[in-house]
Amino acid sequence: MAALINVPPKARRGEIIEIRTLTSHIMETGFRHTADGALVPRDIITSFTCRYNGTEIFRADLFPAIAANPYLSFFTVAKQSGKFEFEWIGDNGYSSSASASITVE
């Protein structure tokens, strides 16, 4: 899975920053049928979590109506230099992660 992460490389302490993520995943709602009538099994990303220096700062539960390539945008306060860790969990044992660093001055 490919993920595009947009975290500012630098920020001032106390500054509100925007974090944007876009991930690639072929989603199946579980409602579609094949040409021969068989149900295509559900295969979606069910949750997204972001941690800042190990502390969870954002979580989203996702459902079948989410886009095939989910885009998420959220804000947080830059408190200290460190690392953002992103994790996507889905059906059928799916798991993917990415990270990005920030320098706080």
PDB file of N, CA and C in Angstrom:
ATOM      1  N   MET A   1       0.836  -1.174   0.000  1.00  0.00           N
ATOM      2  CA  MET A   1       0.000   0.000   0.000  1.00  0.00           C
ATOM      3  C   MET A   1       0.878   1.233   0.000  1.00  0.00           C
ATOM      4  N   ALA A   2       0.496   2.202  -0.784  1.00  0.00           N
ATOM      5  CA  ALA A   2       1.222   3.467  -0.825  1.00  0.00           C
ATOM      6  C   ALA A   2       0.459   4.502  -0.006  1.00  0.00           C
ATOM      7  N   ALA A   3       1.198   5.329   0.715  1.00  0.00           N
ATOM      8  CA  ALA A   3       0.573   6.393   1.502  1.00  0.00           C
ATOM      9  C   ALA A   3       1.307   7.698   1.236  1.00  0.00           C
ATOM     10  N   LEU A   4       0.548   8.762   1.069  1.00  0.00           N
ATOM     11  CA  LEU A   4       1.118  10.104   0.965  1.00  0.00           C
ATOM     12  C   LEU A   4       0.817  10.808   2.282  1.00  0.00           C
ATOM     13  N   ILE A   5       1.858  11.292   2.933  1.00  0.00           N
ATOM     14  CA  ILE A   5       1.739  11.955   4.227  1.00  0.00           C
ATOM     15  C   ILE A   5       2.250  13.380   4.070  1.00  0.00           C
ATOM     16  N   ASN A   6       1.469  14.348   4.538  1.00  0.00           N
ATOM     17  CA  ASN A   6       1.895  15.740   4.495  1.00  0.00           C
ATOM     18  C   ASN A   6       1.908  16.287   5.921  1.00  0.00           C
ATOM     19  N   VAL A   7       3.120  16.403   6.477  1.00  0.00           N
ATOM     20  CA  VAL A   7       3.354  16.986   7.800  1.00  0.00           C
ATOM     21  C   VAL A   7       4.384  18.085   7.587  1.00  0.00           C
ATOM     22  N   PRO A   8       4.161  19.297   8.121  1.00  0.00           N
ATOM     23  CA  PRO A   8       5.173  20.335   7.941  1.00  0.00           C
ATOM     24  C   PRO A   8       6.506  19.890   8.554  1.00  0.00           C
ATOM     25  N   PRO A   9       7.614  20.105   7.852  1.00  0.00           N
ATOM     26  CA  PRO A   9       8.907  19.679   8.400  1.00  0.00           C
ATOM     27  C   PRO A   9       9.321  20.475   9.642  1.00  0.00           C
ATOM     28  N   LYS A  10       8.851  21.748   9.729  1.00  0.00           N
ATOM     29  CA  LYS A  10       9.184  22.618  10.871  1.00  0.00           C
ATOM     30  C   LYS A  10       7.945  23.376  11.323  1.00  0.00           C
ATOM     31  N   ALA A  11       7.910  23.685  12.614  1.00  0.00           N
ATOM     32  CA  ALA A  11       6.818  24.489  13.170  1.00  0.00           C
ATOM     33  C   ALA A  11       7.323  25.174  14.434  1.00  0.00           C
ATOM     34  N   ARG A  12       6.628  26.245  14.820  1.00  0.00           N
ATOM     35  CA  ARG A  12       6.941  26.918  16.088  1.00  0.00           C
ATOM     36  C   ARG A  12       6.186  26.221  17.211  1.00  0.00           C
ATOM     37  N   ARG A  13       6.778  26.178  18.386  1.00  0.00           N
ATOM     38  CA  ARG A  13       6.107  25.578  19.550  1.00  0.00           C
ATOM     39  C   ARG A  13       4.764  26.273  19.771  1.00  0.00           C
ATOM     40  N   GLY A  14       3.697  25.468  19.907  1.00  0.00           N
ATOM     41  CA  GLY A  14       2.360  26.004  20.108  1.00  0.00           C
ATOM     42  C   GLY A  14       1.593  26.288  18.827  1.00  0.00           C
ATOM     43  N   GLU A  15       2.245  26.172  17.686  1.00  0.00           N
ATOM     44  CA  GLU A  15       1.585  26.429  16.403  1.00  0.00           C
ATOM     45  C   GLU A  15       0.608  25.299  16.072  1.00  0.00           C
ATOM     46  N   ILE A  16      -0.547  25.653  15.522  1.00  0.00           N
ATOM     47  CA  ILE A  16      -1.516  24.661  15.058  1.00  0.00           C
ATOM     48  C   ILE A  16      -1.105  24.254  13.644  1.00  0.00           C
ATOM     49  N   ILE A  17      -0.932  22.951  13.444  1.00  0.00           N
ATOM     50  CA  ILE A  17      -0.489  22.450  12.143  1.00  0.00           C
ATOM     51  C   ILE A  17      -1.538  21.500  11.569  1.00  0.00           C
ATOM     52  N   GLU A  18      -1.585  21.451  10.244  1.00  0.00           N
ATOM     53  CA  GLU A  18      -2.484  20.524   9.560  1.00  0.00           C
ATOM     54  C   GLU A  18      -1.701  19.300   9.105  1.00  0.00           C
ATOM     55  N   ILE A  19      -2.283  18.153   9.310  1.00  0.00           N
ATOM     56  CA  ILE A  19      -1.703  16.891   8.863  1.00  0.00           C
ATOM     57  C   ILE A  19      -2.676  16.282   7.860  1.00  0.00           C
ATOM     58  N   ARG A  20      -2.127  15.855   6.712  1.00  0.00           N
ATOM     59  CA  ARG A  20      -2.973  15.268   5.670  1.00  0.00           C
ATOM     60  C   ARG A  20      -2.414  13.908   5.266  1.00  0.00           C
ATOM     61  N   THR A  21      -3.307  12.952   5.105  1.00  0.00           N
ATOM     62  CA  THR A  21      -2.899  11.620   4.666  1.00  0.00           C
ATOM     63  C   THR A  21      -3.794  11.160   3.517  1.00  0.00           C
ATOM     64  N   LEU A  22      -3.194  10.458   2.598  1.00  0.00           N
ATOM     65  CA  LEU A  22      -3.918   9.837   1.495  1.00  0.00           C
ATOM     66  C   LEU A  22      -3.324   8.448   1.325  1.00  0.00           C
ATOM     67  N   THR A  23      -4.158   7.441   1.382  1.00  0.00           N
ATOM     68  CA  THR A  23      -3.663   6.075   1.250  1.00  0.00           C
ATOM     69  C   THR A  23      -4.369   5.354   0.116  1.00  0.00           C
ATOM     70  N   SER A  24      -3.676   4.416  -0.475  1.00  0.00           N
ATOM     71  CA  SER A  24      -4.208   3.647  -1.594  1.00  0.00           C
ATOM     72  C   SER A  24      -4.638   2.270  -1.101  1.00  0.00           C
ATOM     73  N   HIS A  25      -5.901   1.930  -1.342  1.00  0.00           N
ATOM     74  CA  HIS A  25      -6.413   0.627  -0.938  1.00  0.00           C
ATOM     75  C   HIS A  25      -7.623   0.303  -1.809  1.00  0.00           C
ATOM     76  N   ILE A  26      -7.649  -0.893  -2.359  1.00  0.00           N
ATOM     77  CA  ILE A  26      -8.796  -1.314  -3.163  1.00  0.00           C
ATOM     78  C   ILE A  26      -9.897  -1.733  -2.200  1.00  0.00           C
ATOM     79  N   MET A  27     -10.945  -0.941  -2.125  1.00  0.00           N
ATOM     80  CA  MET A  27     -12.016  -1.203  -1.176  1.00  0.00           C
ATOM     81  C   MET A  27     -13.121  -2.027  -1.832  1.00  0.00           C
ATOM     82  N   GLU A  28     -13.673  -2.940  -1.070  1.00  0.00           N
ATOM     83  CA  GLU A  28     -14.860  -3.701  -1.469  1.00  0.00           C
ATOM     84  C   GLU A  28     -15.868  -3.595  -0.338  1.00  0.00           C
ATOM     85  N   THR A  29     -17.061  -3.142  -0.646  1.00  0.00           N
ATOM     86  CA  THR A  29     -18.084  -2.909   0.374  1.00  0.00           C
ATOM     87  C   THR A  29     -18.691  -4.191   0.923  1.00  0.00           C
ATOM     88  N   GLY A  30     -18.610  -5.273   0.157  1.00  0.00           N
ATOM     89  CA  GLY A  30     -19.266  -6.506   0.571  1.00  0.00           C
ATOM     90  C   GLY A  30     -20.692  -6.611   0.049  1.00  0.00           C
ATOM     91  N   PHE A  31     -21.124  -5.618  -0.736  1.00  0.00           N
ATOM     92  CA  PHE A  31     -22.474  -5.604  -1.292  1.00  0.00           C
ATOM     93  C   PHE A  31     -22.496  -5.917  -2.787  1.00  0.00           C
ATOM     94  N   ARG A  32     -21.329  -5.908  -3.425  1.00  0.00           N
ATOM     95  CA  ARG A  32     -21.236  -6.107  -4.867  1.00  0.00           C
ATOM     96  C   ARG A  32     -21.200  -7.595  -5.202  1.00  0.00           C
ATOM     97  N   HIS A  33     -21.728  -7.943  -6.377  1.00  0.00           N
ATOM     98  CA  HIS A  33     -21.720  -9.330  -6.846  1.00  0.00           C
ATOM     99  C   HIS A  33     -20.878  -9.445  -8.107  1.00  0.00           C
ATOM    100  N   THR A  34     -20.291 -10.616  -8.308  1.00  0.00           N
ATOM    101  CA  THR A  34     -19.547 -10.882  -9.539  1.00  0.00           C
ATOM    102  C   THR A  34     -20.539 -11.164 -10.659  1.00  0.00           C
ATOM    103  N   ALA A  35     -20.034 -11.341 -11.882  1.00  0.00           N
ATOM    104  CA  ALA A  35     -20.892 -11.627 -13.038  1.00  0.00           C
ATOM    105  C   ALA A  35     -21.683 -12.927 -12.857  1.00  0.00           C
ATOM    106  N   ASP A  36     -21.124 -13.875 -12.121  1.00  0.00           N
ATOM    107  CA  ASP A  36     -21.839 -15.140 -11.903  1.00  0.00           C
ATOM    108  C   ASP A  36     -22.694 -15.128 -10.634  1.00  0.00           C
ATOM    109  N   GLY A  37     -22.848 -13.967 -10.002  1.00  0.00           N
ATOM    110  CA  GLY A  37     -23.748 -13.812  -8.858  1.00  0.00           C
ATOM    111  C   GLY A  37     -23.142 -14.016  -7.484  1.00  0.00           C
ATOM    112  N   ALA A  38     -21.863 -14.367  -7.416  1.00  0.00           N
ATOM    113  CA  ALA A  38     -21.214 -14.575  -6.112  1.00  0.00           C
ATOM    114  C   ALA A  38     -20.950 -13.217  -5.439  1.00  0.00           C
ATOM    115  N   LEU A  39     -21.135 -13.178  -4.143  1.00  0.00           N
ATOM    116  CA  LEU A  39     -20.891 -11.957  -3.380  1.00  0.00           C
ATOM    117  C   LEU A  39     -19.386 -11.724  -3.232  1.00  0.00           C
ATOM    118  N   VAL A  40     -18.943 -10.503  -3.565  1.00  0.00           N
ATOM    119  CA  VAL A  40     -17.537 -10.144  -3.382  1.00  0.00           C
ATOM    120  C   VAL A  40     -17.347  -9.812  -1.900  1.00  0.00           C
ATOM    121  N   PRO A  41     -16.447 -10.503  -1.206  1.00  0.00           N
ATOM    122  CA  PRO A  41     -16.291 -10.283   0.236  1.00  0.00           C
ATOM    123  C   PRO A  41     -15.855  -8.854   0.565  1.00  0.00           C
ATOM    124  N   ARG A  42     -16.319  -8.366   1.709  1.00  0.00           N
ATOM    125  CA  ARG A  42     -15.949  -7.025   2.170  1.00  0.00           C
ATOM    126  C   ARG A  42     -14.451  -6.971   2.420  1.00  0.00           C
ATOM    127  N   ASP A  43     -13.825  -5.869   1.995  1.00  0.00           N
ATOM    128  CA  ASP A  43     -12.400  -5.638   2.226  1.00  0.00           C
ATOM    129  C   ASP A  43     -12.195  -4.128   2.297  1.00  0.00           C
ATOM    130  N   ILE A  44     -12.283  -3.580   3.500  1.00  0.00           N
ATOM    131  CA  ILE A  44     -12.152  -2.135   3.673  1.00  0.00           C
ATOM    132  C   ILE A  44     -11.149  -1.841   4.784  1.00  0.00           C
ATOM    133  N   ILE A  45     -10.673  -0.607   4.801  1.00  0.00           N
ATOM    134  CA  ILE A  45      -9.900  -0.110   5.938  1.00  0.00           C
ATOM    135  C   ILE A  45     -10.926   0.259   7.003  1.00  0.00           C
ATOM    136  N   THR A  46     -10.763  -0.268   8.205  1.00  0.00           N
ATOM    137  CA  THR A  46     -11.758  -0.056   9.257  1.00  0.00           C
ATOM    138  C   THR A  46     -11.345   0.986  10.289  1.00  0.00           C
ATOM    139  N   SER A  47     -10.042   1.268  10.403  1.00  0.00           N
ATOM    140  CA  SER A  47      -9.627   2.303  11.358  1.00  0.00           C
ATOM    141  C   SER A  47      -8.312   2.944  10.947  1.00  0.00           C
ATOM    142  N   PHE A  48      -8.151   4.169  11.385  1.00  0.00           N
ATOM    143  CA  PHE A  48      -6.928   4.946  11.170  1.00  0.00           C
ATOM    144  C   PHE A  48      -6.540   5.563  12.503  1.00  0.00           C
ATOM    145  N   THR A  49      -5.250   5.516  12.827  1.00  0.00           N
ATOM    146  CA  THR A  49      -4.753   6.097  14.067  1.00  0.00           C
ATOM    147  C   THR A  49      -3.489   6.897  13.776  1.00  0.00           C
ATOM    148  N   CYS A  50      -3.362   8.050  14.439  1.00  0.00           N
ATOM    149  CA  CYS A  50      -2.138   8.847  14.367  1.00  0.00           C
ATOM    150  C   CYS A  50      -1.615   9.040  15.783  1.00  0.00           C
ATOM    151  N   ARG A  51      -0.322   8.784  15.960  1.00  0.00           N
ATOM    152  CA  ARG A  51       0.342   9.015  17.245  1.00  0.00           C
ATOM    153  C   ARG A  51       1.448  10.043  17.053  1.00  0.00           C
ATOM    154  N   TYR A  52       1.568  10.928  18.036  1.00  0.00           N
ATOM    155  CA  TYR A  52       2.608  11.966  18.033  1.00  0.00           C
ATOM    156  C   TYR A  52       3.507  11.662  19.215  1.00  0.00           C
ATOM    157  N   ASN A  53       4.739  11.253  18.927  1.00  0.00           N
ATOM    158  CA  ASN A  53       5.692  10.834  19.961  1.00  0.00           C
ATOM    159  C   ASN A  53       5.083   9.778  20.886  1.00  0.00           C
ATOM    160  N   GLY A  54       4.345   8.845  20.303  1.00  0.00           N
ATOM    161  CA  GLY A  54       3.786   7.733  21.045  1.00  0.00           C
ATOM    162  C   GLY A  54       2.414   7.958  21.653  1.00  0.00           C
ATOM    163  N   THR A  55       1.919   9.193  21.635  1.00  0.00           N
ATOM    164  CA  THR A  55       0.607   9.507  22.205  1.00  0.00           C
ATOM    165  C   THR A  55      -0.429   9.619  21.088  1.00  0.00           C
ATOM    166  N   GLU A  56      -1.532   8.886  21.218  1.00  0.00           N
ATOM    167  CA  GLU A  56      -2.583   8.948  20.204  1.00  0.00           C
ATOM    168  C   GLU A  56      -3.208  10.335  20.199  1.00  0.00           C
ATOM    169  N   ILE A  57      -3.233  10.963  19.001  1.00  0.00           N
ATOM    170  CA  ILE A  57      -3.825  12.303  18.885  1.00  0.00           C
ATOM    171  C   ILE A  57      -5.036  12.331  17.965  1.00  0.00           C
ATOM    172  N   PHE A  58      -5.200  11.273  17.150  1.00  0.00           N
ATOM    173  CA  PHE A  58      -6.339  11.243  16.229  1.00  0.00           C
ATOM    174  C   PHE A  58      -6.664   9.790  15.913  1.00  0.00           C
ATOM    175  N   ARG A  59      -7.981   9.499  15.887  1.00  0.00           N
ATOM    176  CA  ARG A  59      -8.452   8.165  15.505  1.00  0.00           C
ATOM    177  C   ARG A  59      -9.733   8.329  14.705  1.00  0.00           C
ATOM    178  N   ALA A  60      -9.876   7.498  13.681  1.00  0.00           N
ATOM    179  CA  ALA A  60     -11.101   7.496  12.887  1.00  0.00           C
ATOM    180  C   ALA A  60     -11.512   6.058  12.616  1.00  0.00           C
ATOM    181  N   ASP A  61     -12.792   5.769  12.827  1.00  0.00           N
ATOM    182  CA  ASP A  61     -13.363   4.483  12.445  1.00  0.00           C
ATOM    183  C   ASP A  61     -13.999   4.667  11.077  1.00  0.00           C
ATOM    184  N   LEU A  62     -13.666   3.787  10.145  1.00  0.00           N
ATOM    185  CA  LEU A  62     -14.114   3.914   8.766  1.00  0.00           C
ATOM    186  C   LEU A  62     -15.116   2.811   8.440  1.00  0.00           C
ATOM    187  N   PHE A  63     -16.034   3.107   7.522  1.00  0.00           N
ATOM    188  CA  PHE A  63     -17.132   2.207   7.193  1.00  0.00           C
ATOM    189  C   PHE A  63     -17.214   2.003   5.685  1.00  0.00           C
ATOM    190  N   PRO A  64     -18.064   1.090   5.187  1.00  0.00           N
ATOM    191  CA  PRO A  64     -18.092   0.769   3.764  1.00  0.00           C
ATOM    192  C   PRO A  64     -18.281   1.956   2.810  1.00  0.00           C
ATOM    193  N   ALA A  65     -18.856   3.044   3.235  1.00  0.00           N
ATOM    194  CA  ALA A  65     -19.082   4.171   2.328  1.00  0.00           C
ATOM    195  C   ALA A  65     -17.832   5.028   2.112  1.00  0.00           C
ATOM    196  N   ILE A  66     -16.721   4.718   2.773  1.00  0.00           N
ATOM    197  CA  ILE A  66     -15.488   5.502   2.626  1.00  0.00           C
ATOM    198  C   ILE A  66     -14.908   5.304   1.222  1.00  0.00           C
ATOM    199  N   ALA A  67     -14.189   6.288   0.743  1.00  0.00           N
ATOM    200  CA  ALA A  67     -13.582   6.239  -0.594  1.00  0.00           C
ATOM    201  C   ALA A  67     -12.564   5.104  -0.692  1.00  0.00           C
ATOM    202  N   ALA A  68     -12.323   4.651  -1.908  1.00  0.00           N
ATOM    203  CA  ALA A  68     -11.337   3.592  -2.138  1.00  0.00           C
ATOM    204  C   ALA A  68      -9.942   4.029  -1.696  1.00  0.00           C
ATOM    205  N   ASN A  69      -9.631   5.288  -1.823  1.00  0.00           N
ATOM    206  CA  ASN A  69      -8.334   5.828  -1.411  1.00  0.00           C
ATOM    207  C   ASN A  69      -8.589   6.928  -0.385  1.00  0.00           C
ATOM    208  N   PRO A  70      -8.779   6.554   0.885  1.00  0.00           N
ATOM    209  CA  PRO A  70      -9.220   7.534   1.885  1.00  0.00           C
ATOM    210  C   PRO A  70      -8.218   8.661   2.131  1.00  0.00           C
ATOM    211  N   TYR A  71      -8.757   9.878   2.093  1.00  0.00           N
ATOM    212  CA  TYR A  71      -8.010  11.100   2.404  1.00  0.00           C
ATOM    213  C   TYR A  71      -8.507  11.604   3.758  1.00  0.00           C
ATOM    214  N   LEU A  72      -7.594  11.846   4.673  1.00  0.00           N
ATOM    215  CA  LEU A  72      -7.945  12.370   5.990  1.00  0.00           C
ATOM    216  C   LEU A  72      -7.100  13.593   6.280  1.00  0.00           C
ATOM    217  N   SER A  73      -7.736  14.601   6.852  1.00  0.00           N
ATOM    218  CA  SER A  73      -7.060  15.840   7.233  1.00  0.00           C
ATOM    219  C   SER A  73      -7.490  16.194   8.647  1.00  0.00           C
ATOM    220  N   PHE A  74      -6.519  16.564   9.487  1.00  0.00           N
ATOM    221  CA  PHE A  74      -6.829  16.948  10.859  1.00  0.00           C
ATOM    222  C   PHE A  74      -5.741  17.891  11.363  1.00  0.00           C
ATOM    223  N   PHE A  75      -5.992  18.510  12.506  1.00  0.00           N
ATOM    224  CA  PHE A  75      -5.080  19.502  13.065  1.00  0.00           C
ATOM    225  C   PHE A  75      -4.600  19.068  14.447  1.00  0.00           C
ATOM    226  N   THR A  76      -3.398  19.515  14.797  1.00  0.00           N
ATOM    227  CA  THR A  76      -2.862  19.308  16.138  1.00  0.00           C
ATOM    228  C   THR A  76      -1.935  20.469  16.470  1.00  0.00           C
ATOM    229  N   VAL A  77      -1.499  20.535  17.705  1.00  0.00           N
ATOM    230  CA  VAL A  77      -0.591  21.583  18.161  1.00  0.00           C
ATOM    231  C   VAL A  77       0.820  21.013  18.193  1.00  0.00           C
ATOM    232  N   ALA A  78       1.767  21.731  17.582  1.00  0.00           N
ATOM    233  CA  ALA A  78       3.176  21.322  17.611  1.00  0.00           C
ATOM    234  C   ALA A  78       3.737  21.626  18.998  1.00  0.00           C
ATOM    235  N   LYS A  79       4.047  20.573  19.743  1.00  0.00           N
ATOM    236  CA  LYS A  79       4.541  20.749  21.111  1.00  0.00           C
ATOM    237  C   LYS A  79       6.038  20.526  21.229  1.00  0.00           C
ATOM    238  N   GLN A  80       6.542  19.523  20.506  1.00  0.00           N
ATOM    239  CA  GLN A  80       7.971  19.221  20.571  1.00  0.00           C
ATOM    240  C   GLN A  80       8.386  18.479  19.314  1.00  0.00           C
ATOM    241  N   SER A  81       9.668  18.513  19.033  1.00  0.00           N
ATOM    242  CA  SER A  81      10.183  17.777  17.882  1.00  0.00           C
ATOM    243  C   SER A  81       9.936  16.291  18.092  1.00  0.00           C
ATOM    244  N   GLY A  82       9.717  15.581  17.002  1.00  0.00           N
ATOM    245  CA  GLY A  82       9.487  14.155  17.140  1.00  0.00           C
ATOM    246  C   GLY A  82       8.910  13.527  15.901  1.00  0.00           C
ATOM    247  N   LYS A  83       8.164  12.453  16.140  1.00  0.00           N
ATOM    248  CA  LYS A  83       7.676  11.644  15.035  1.00  0.00           C
ATOM    249  C   LYS A  83       6.172  11.418  15.129  1.00  0.00           C
ATOM    250  N   PHE A  84       5.520  11.505  13.971  1.00  0.00           N
ATOM    251  CA  PHE A  84       4.120  11.126  13.814  1.00  0.00           C
ATOM    252  C   PHE A  84       4.110   9.720  13.226  1.00  0.00           C
ATOM    253  N   GLU A  85       3.321   8.842  13.824  1.00  0.00           N
ATOM    254  CA  GLU A  85       3.176   7.481  13.321  1.00  0.00           C
ATOM    255  C   GLU A  85       1.722   7.271  12.908  1.00  0.00           C
ATOM    256  N   PHE A  86       1.528   6.757  11.708  1.00  0.00           N
ATOM    257  CA  PHE A  86       0.207   6.569  11.135  1.00  0.00           C
ATOM    258  C   PHE A  86      -0.025   5.075  10.932  1.00  0.00           C
ATOM    259  N   GLU A  87      -1.234   4.611  11.276  1.00  0.00           N
ATOM    260  CA  GLU A  87      -1.540   3.192  11.125  1.00  0.00           C
ATOM    261  C   GLU A  87      -2.960   3.017  10.583  1.00  0.00           C
ATOM    262  N   TRP A  88      -3.067   2.193   9.553  1.00  0.00           N
ATOM    263  CA  TRP A  88      -4.347   1.827   8.959  1.00  0.00           C
ATOM    264  C   TRP A  88      -4.581   0.345   9.229  1.00  0.00           C
ATOM    265  N   ILE A  89      -5.761   0.000   9.731  1.00  0.00           N
ATOM    266  CA  ILE A  89      -6.131  -1.391  10.009  1.00  0.00           C
ATOM    267  C   ILE A  89      -7.385  -1.707   9.191  1.00  0.00           C
ATOM    268  N   GLY A  90      -7.446  -2.930   8.659  1.00  0.00           N
ATOM    269  CA  GLY A  90      -8.602  -3.275   7.845  1.00  0.00           C
ATOM    270  C   GLY A  90      -9.010  -4.724   7.969  1.00  0.00           C
ATOM    271  N   ASP A  91      -9.970  -5.083   7.139  1.00  0.00           N
ATOM    272  CA  ASP A  91     -10.471  -6.446   7.094  1.00  0.00           C
ATOM    273  C   ASP A  91      -9.375  -7.398   6.617  1.00  0.00           C
ATOM    274  N   ASN A  92      -9.589  -8.678   6.903  1.00  0.00           N
ATOM    275  CA  ASN A  92      -8.716  -9.754   6.416  1.00  0.00           C
ATOM    276  C   ASN A  92      -7.268  -9.624   6.874  1.00  0.00           C
ATOM    277  N   GLY A  93      -7.060  -9.053   8.066  1.00  0.00           N
ATOM    278  CA  GLY A  93      -5.715  -8.919   8.618  1.00  0.00           C
ATOM    279  C   GLY A  93      -4.893  -7.788   8.037  1.00  0.00           C
ATOM    280  N   TYR A  94      -5.515  -6.908   7.275  1.00  0.00           N
ATOM    281  CA  TYR A  94      -4.799  -5.800   6.641  1.00  0.00           C
ATOM    282  C   TYR A  94      -4.236  -4.828   7.679  1.00  0.00           C
ATOM    283  N   SER A  95      -2.981  -4.435   7.504  1.00  0.00           N
ATOM    284  CA  SER A  95      -2.348  -3.447   8.367  1.00  0.00           C
ATOM    285  C   SER A  95      -1.260  -2.749   7.575  1.00  0.00           C
ATOM    286  N   SER A  96      -1.193  -1.440   7.704  1.00  0.00           N
ATOM    287  CA  SER A  96      -0.159  -0.655   7.033  1.00  0.00           C
ATOM    288  C   SER A  96       0.221   0.514   7.930  1.00  0.00           C
ATOM    289  N   SER A  97       1.458   0.956   7.812  1.00  0.00           N
ATOM    290  CA  SER A  97       1.894   2.077   8.644  1.00  0.00           C
ATOM    291  C   SER A  97       2.858   2.969   7.876  1.00  0.00           C
ATOM    292  N   ALA A  98       2.989   4.188   8.372  1.00  0.00           N
ATOM    293  CA  ALA A  98       3.915   5.171   7.809  1.00  0.00           C
ATOM    294  C   ALA A  98       4.290   6.124   8.935  1.00  0.00           C
ATOM    295  N   SER A  99       5.317   6.931   8.710  1.00  0.00           N
ATOM    296  CA  SER A  99       5.710   7.911   9.723  1.00  0.00           C
ATOM    297  C   SER A  99       6.284   9.154   9.070  1.00  0.00           C
ATOM    298  N   ALA A 100       6.319  10.233   9.837  1.00  0.00           N
ATOM    299  CA  ALA A 100       6.885  11.507   9.375  1.00  0.00           C
ATOM    300  C   ALA A 100       7.414  12.240  10.607  1.00  0.00           C
ATOM    301  N   SER A 101       8.490  12.987  10.406  1.00  0.00           N
ATOM    302  CA  SER A 101       9.103  13.729  11.514  1.00  0.00           C
ATOM    303  C   SER A 101       8.835  15.218  11.400  1.00  0.00           C
ATOM    304  N   ILE A 102       8.907  15.894  12.562  1.00  0.00           N
ATOM    305  CA  ILE A 102       8.736  17.342  12.599  1.00  0.00           C
ATOM    306  C   ILE A 102       9.780  17.907  13.561  1.00  0.00           C
ATOM    307  N   THR A 103      10.293  19.095  13.230  1.00  0.00           N
ATOM    308  CA  THR A 103      11.206  19.832  14.110  1.00  0.00           C
ATOM    309  C   THR A 103      10.444  21.028  14.655  1.00  0.00           C
ATOM    310  N   VAL A 104      10.361  21.121  15.978  1.00  0.00           N
ATOM    311  CA  VAL A 104       9.661  22.231  16.627  1.00  0.00           C
ATOM    312  C   VAL A 104      10.697  23.160  17.228  1.00  0.00           C
ATOM    313  N   GLU A 105      10.590  24.426  16.863  1.00  0.00           N
ATOM    314  CA  GLU A 105      11.568  25.430  17.321  1.00  0.00           C
ATOM    315  C   GLU A 105      10.974  26.334  18.368  1.00  0.00           C
TER     316      GLU A 105
END
